[in-house]
């Protein structure tokens, strides 16, 4: 049991930083995900051990109850045999009574050991559950940082002049240039389409002013 708990402690409760700081680690999120999956498997194993330990304790308790009941039964039978003067029955009943009483003592000790082991397993299991929760939170934090890093990299690549492509223009600069060109084309087209009407209005106004001046 002690070796099992030691192995669990070394495997599951190891400091996560020791894993993430490996030189060959190129993807912390992927490594952490794998580590979490391994820890979940170990935690499930301990959970199964806890359940088995509970069943074992129940079996010991059941055996203890039977031993105590049979010891009491043989004690009563020994009294009856003694009162009836049946020496052989008395001897058999006393031997059985002693046997069950010894079994009862042994079972009580086994139950104490089982309960102690169960407490250790339950404590270790809860530590592993909390550790898994902490590592899941750590994974979410790292994913958030990774998202921010990618976002900043993408934004800097688009906006920052240092993110210029081979042809010497960034995406943002190309878009600005295209908008300016489009606006110029629209303005030119607008003036080409309206210049005749505007000139005609101006000529009509000038003629009216001349006629008004002559009339006056």
Protein backbone atom coordinates (compact mmCIF):
# COMPACT_ATOMS: atom_id res chain seq x y z
CA UNK A 1 0.00 0.00 0.00
CA UNK A 2 2.79 2.42 0.89
CA UNK A 3 4.56 1.74 -2.42
CA UNK A 4 1.31 2.34 -4.31
CA UNK A 5 0.72 5.66 -2.57
CA UNK A 6 4.32 6.66 -3.22
CA UNK A 7 3.97 5.86 -6.91
CA UNK A 8 0.73 7.85 -7.09
CA UNK A 9 2.37 10.79 -5.39
CA UNK A 10 5.36 10.73 -7.73
CA UNK A 11 3.23 10.29 -10.84
CA UNK A 12 0.25 12.53 -10.25
CA UNK A 13 1.24 15.14 -7.68
CA UNK A 14 4.52 16.03 -9.38
CA UNK A 15 5.00 19.75 -9.97
CA UNK A 16 3.54 20.64 -13.36
CA UNK A 17 6.29 23.20 -13.90
CA UNK A 18 8.86 20.43 -14.14
CA UNK A 19 6.97 19.02 -17.09
CA UNK A 20 6.35 22.31 -18.86
CA UNK A 21 9.95 23.47 -18.53
CA UNK A 22 11.41 20.58 -20.56
CA UNK A 23 13.71 21.76 -23.33
CA UNK A 24 12.03 19.59 -25.92
CA UNK A 25 8.65 21.08 -25.12
CA UNK A 26 7.51 23.04 -28.16
CA UNK A 27 3.77 23.02 -27.46
CA UNK A 28 2.94 23.59 -23.75
CA UNK A 29 -0.81 23.30 -24.30
CA UNK A 30 -0.55 19.94 -26.09
CA UNK A 31 1.85 18.60 -23.46
CA UNK A 32 -0.38 19.79 -20.64
CA UNK A 33 -3.42 18.18 -22.27
CA UNK A 34 -1.57 14.87 -22.50
CA UNK A 35 -0.40 15.20 -18.90
CA UNK A 36 -3.96 15.87 -17.78
CA UNK A 37 -5.21 12.79 -19.63
CA UNK A 38 -2.57 10.67 -17.90
CA UNK A 39 -3.49 12.14 -14.53
CA UNK A 40 -7.18 11.48 -15.14
CA UNK A 41 -6.37 7.82 -15.83
CA UNK A 42 -4.37 7.57 -12.59
CA UNK A 43 -7.15 9.31 -10.69
CA UNK A 44 -9.68 6.82 -12.07
CA UNK A 45 -7.46 3.98 -10.87
CA UNK A 46 -7.38 5.41 -7.36
CA UNK A 47 -11.14 5.90 -7.46
CA UNK A 48 -11.53 2.21 -8.28
CA UNK A 49 -9.18 1.32 -5.41
CA UNK A 50 -11.27 3.41 -3.03
CA UNK A 51 -14.43 1.62 -4.14
CA UNK A 52 -12.74 -1.77 -3.77
CA UNK A 53 -11.52 -0.81 -0.31
CA UNK A 54 -15.07 0.09 0.72
CA UNK A 55 -16.29 -3.30 -0.49
CA UNK A 56 -13.44 -5.01 1.35
CA UNK A 57 -14.36 -3.23 4.55
CA UNK A 58 -17.99 -4.28 4.12
CA UNK A 59 -16.87 -7.91 3.71
CA UNK A 60 -14.77 -7.71 6.88
CA UNK A 61 -17.69 -6.20 8.81
CA UNK A 62 -19.98 -8.93 7.50
CA UNK A 63 -17.52 -11.65 8.55
CA UNK A 64 -17.14 -10.01 11.97
CA UNK A 65 -20.88 -10.00 12.57
CA UNK A 66 -21.07 -13.67 11.65
CA UNK A 67 -18.13 -14.55 13.92
CA UNK A 68 -19.65 -12.66 16.87
CA UNK A 69 -23.05 -14.29 16.32
CA UNK A 70 -21.55 -17.79 16.12
CA UNK A 71 -19.36 -17.17 19.17
CA UNK A 72 -22.42 -16.12 21.15
CA UNK A 73 -24.35 -19.12 19.83
CA UNK A 74 -21.61 -21.58 20.82
CA UNK A 75 -21.33 -19.93 24.23
CA UNK A 76 -25.04 -20.49 24.81
CA UNK A 77 -24.75 -24.08 23.54
CA UNK A 78 -21.80 -24.70 25.90
CA UNK A 79 -23.94 -23.57 28.83
CA UNK A 80 -26.76 -25.91 27.80
CA UNK A 81 -24.33 -28.85 27.35
CA UNK A 82 -22.71 -28.16 30.70
CA UNK A 83 -26.06 -28.01 32.43
CA UNK A 84 -27.11 -31.27 30.74
CA UNK A 85 -23.85 -32.98 31.68
CA UNK A 86 -22.84 -33.57 28.03
CA UNK A 87 -19.05 -33.36 28.29
CA UNK A 88 -18.30 -33.98 24.61
CA UNK A 89 -20.82 -31.40 23.42
CA UNK A 90 -19.50 -28.96 26.02
CA UNK A 91 -15.93 -29.43 24.81
CA UNK A 92 -16.91 -29.01 21.15
CA UNK A 93 -18.99 -25.92 21.88
CA UNK A 94 -16.16 -24.33 23.89
CA UNK A 95 -13.63 -25.04 21.13
CA UNK A 96 -15.95 -23.48 18.54
CA UNK A 97 -16.63 -20.49 20.78
CA UNK A 98 -12.88 -19.85 21.23
CA UNK A 99 -12.31 -20.24 17.51
CA UNK A 100 -14.96 -17.65 16.61
CA UNK A 101 -13.78 -15.27 19.31
CA UNK A 102 -10.21 -15.46 17.96
CA UNK A 103 -11.56 -14.86 14.45
CA UNK A 104 -13.49 -11.87 15.76
CA UNK A 105 -10.33 -10.34 17.24
CA UNK A 106 -8.47 -10.90 13.97
CA UNK A 107 -11.27 -9.40 11.90
CA UNK A 108 -11.47 -6.30 14.15
CA UNK A 109 -7.75 -5.72 13.57
CA UNK A 110 -8.20 -6.20 9.83
CA UNK A 111 -11.03 -3.68 9.82
CA UNK A 112 -8.83 -1.12 11.59
CA UNK A 113 -6.08 -1.59 9.00
CA UNK A 114 -8.59 -1.42 6.15
CA UNK A 115 -10.11 1.78 7.53
CA UNK A 116 -6.66 3.36 7.83
CA UNK A 117 -5.81 2.40 4.26
CA UNK A 118 -9.18 3.67 3.10
CA UNK A 119 -8.57 7.03 4.76
CA UNK A 120 -5.18 7.28 3.03
CA UNK A 121 -6.68 6.41 -0.33
CA UNK A 122 -9.56 8.87 0.09
CA UNK A 123 -7.14 11.64 1.10
CA UNK A 124 -4.90 10.92 -1.87
CA UNK A 125 -7.89 10.75 -4.18
CA UNK A 126 -9.14 14.17 -3.06
CA UNK A 127 -5.65 15.62 -3.48
CA UNK A 128 -5.60 14.29 -7.03
CA UNK A 129 -9.06 15.73 -7.75
CA UNK A 130 -7.96 19.17 -6.54
CA UNK A 131 -4.71 18.89 -8.46
CA UNK A 132 -6.58 18.04 -11.65
CA UNK A 133 -8.89 21.01 -11.12
CA UNK A 134 -5.92 23.32 -10.57
CA UNK A 135 -4.22 22.02 -13.70
CA UNK A 136 -7.41 22.47 -15.73
CA UNK A 137 -7.54 26.07 -14.56
CA UNK A 138 -3.85 26.39 -15.44
CA UNK A 139 -4.61 25.02 -18.91
CA UNK A 140 -7.40 27.58 -19.42
CA UNK A 141 -5.05 30.37 -18.33
CA UNK A 142 -2.38 29.20 -20.74
CA UNK A 143 -4.93 28.93 -23.56
CA UNK A 144 -6.00 32.52 -22.85
CA UNK A 145 -2.40 33.72 -23.00
CA UNK A 146 -1.82 31.76 -26.19
CA UNK A 147 -4.91 33.33 -27.80
CA UNK A 148 -3.76 36.83 -26.84
CA UNK A 149 -0.29 36.13 -28.20
CA UNK A 150 -1.68 34.92 -31.54
CA UNK A 151 -4.08 37.86 -31.69
CA UNK A 152 -1.31 40.41 -31.11
CA UNK A 153 0.92 38.68 -33.65
CA UNK A 154 -1.83 38.76 -36.28
CA UNK A 155 -2.74 42.38 -35.57
CA UNK A 156 0.88 43.49 -35.66
CA UNK A 157 1.37 41.64 -38.93
CA UNK A 158 -1.57 43.48 -40.49
CA UNK A 159 -1.14 46.96 -38.99
CA UNK A 160 2.50 47.34 -38.09
CA UNK A 161 4.78 48.48 -40.89
CA UNK A 162 7.27 45.86 -39.71
CA UNK A 163 4.86 43.24 -40.99
CA UNK A 164 5.37 44.31 -44.63
CA UNK A 165 5.15 41.68 -47.33
CA UNK A 166 7.70 41.02 -50.07
CA UNK A 167 6.19 43.61 -52.44
CA UNK A 168 6.74 46.27 -49.79
CA UNK A 169 3.14 46.91 -48.76
CA UNK A 170 1.27 45.64 -45.73
CA UNK A 171 -2.32 44.38 -46.05
CA UNK A 172 -3.58 47.45 -44.28
CA UNK A 173 -1.65 49.79 -46.55
CA UNK A 174 -2.97 47.99 -49.63
CA UNK A 175 -6.53 48.38 -48.38
CA UNK A 176 -6.03 52.10 -47.70
CA UNK A 177 -4.52 52.61 -51.14
CA UNK A 178 -7.40 50.77 -52.78
CA UNK A 179 -9.99 52.87 -50.92
CA UNK A 180 -8.26 56.12 -51.94
CA UNK A 181 -8.14 54.99 -55.55
CA UNK A 182 -11.77 53.94 -55.53
CA UNK A 183 -12.85 57.24 -53.99
CA UNK A 184 -10.93 59.16 -56.67
CA UNK A 185 -12.56 57.13 -59.44
CA UNK A 186 -16.01 57.73 -57.97
CA UNK A 187 -15.42 61.48 -57.71
CA UNK A 188 -14.09 61.66 -61.29
CA UNK A 189 -17.03 59.70 -62.63
CA UNK A 190 -19.43 61.93 -60.71
CA UNK A 191 -17.96 65.15 -62.12
CA UNK A 192 -17.90 63.72 -65.67
CA UNK A 193 -21.57 62.84 -65.42
CA UNK A 194 -22.69 66.17 -63.93
CA UNK A 195 -20.46 68.77 -65.61
CA UNK A 196 -22.77 69.32 -68.61
CA UNK A 197 -25.77 69.94 -66.38
CA UNK A 198 -23.83 72.26 -64.09
CA UNK A 199 -22.43 74.31 -67.00
CA UNK A 200 -25.89 74.61 -68.53
CA UNK A 201 -27.26 75.89 -65.20
CA UNK A 202 -24.42 78.42 -64.96
CA UNK A 203 -24.99 79.68 -68.55
CA UNK A 204 -28.73 80.01 -67.95
CA UNK A 205 -28.09 82.00 -64.80
CA UNK A 206 -25.59 84.30 -66.51
CA UNK A 207 -28.00 84.97 -69.40
CA UNK A 208 -30.76 85.82 -66.95
CA UNK A 209 -28.48 88.29 -65.15
CA UNK A 210 -27.66 89.99 -68.50
CA UNK A 211 -31.32 90.26 -69.45
CA UNK A 212 -32.20 91.70 -66.04
CA UNK A 213 -29.45 94.31 -66.33
CA UNK A 214 -30.61 95.35 -69.82
CA UNK A 215 -34.21 95.63 -68.68
CA UNK A 216 -33.26 97.84 -65.83
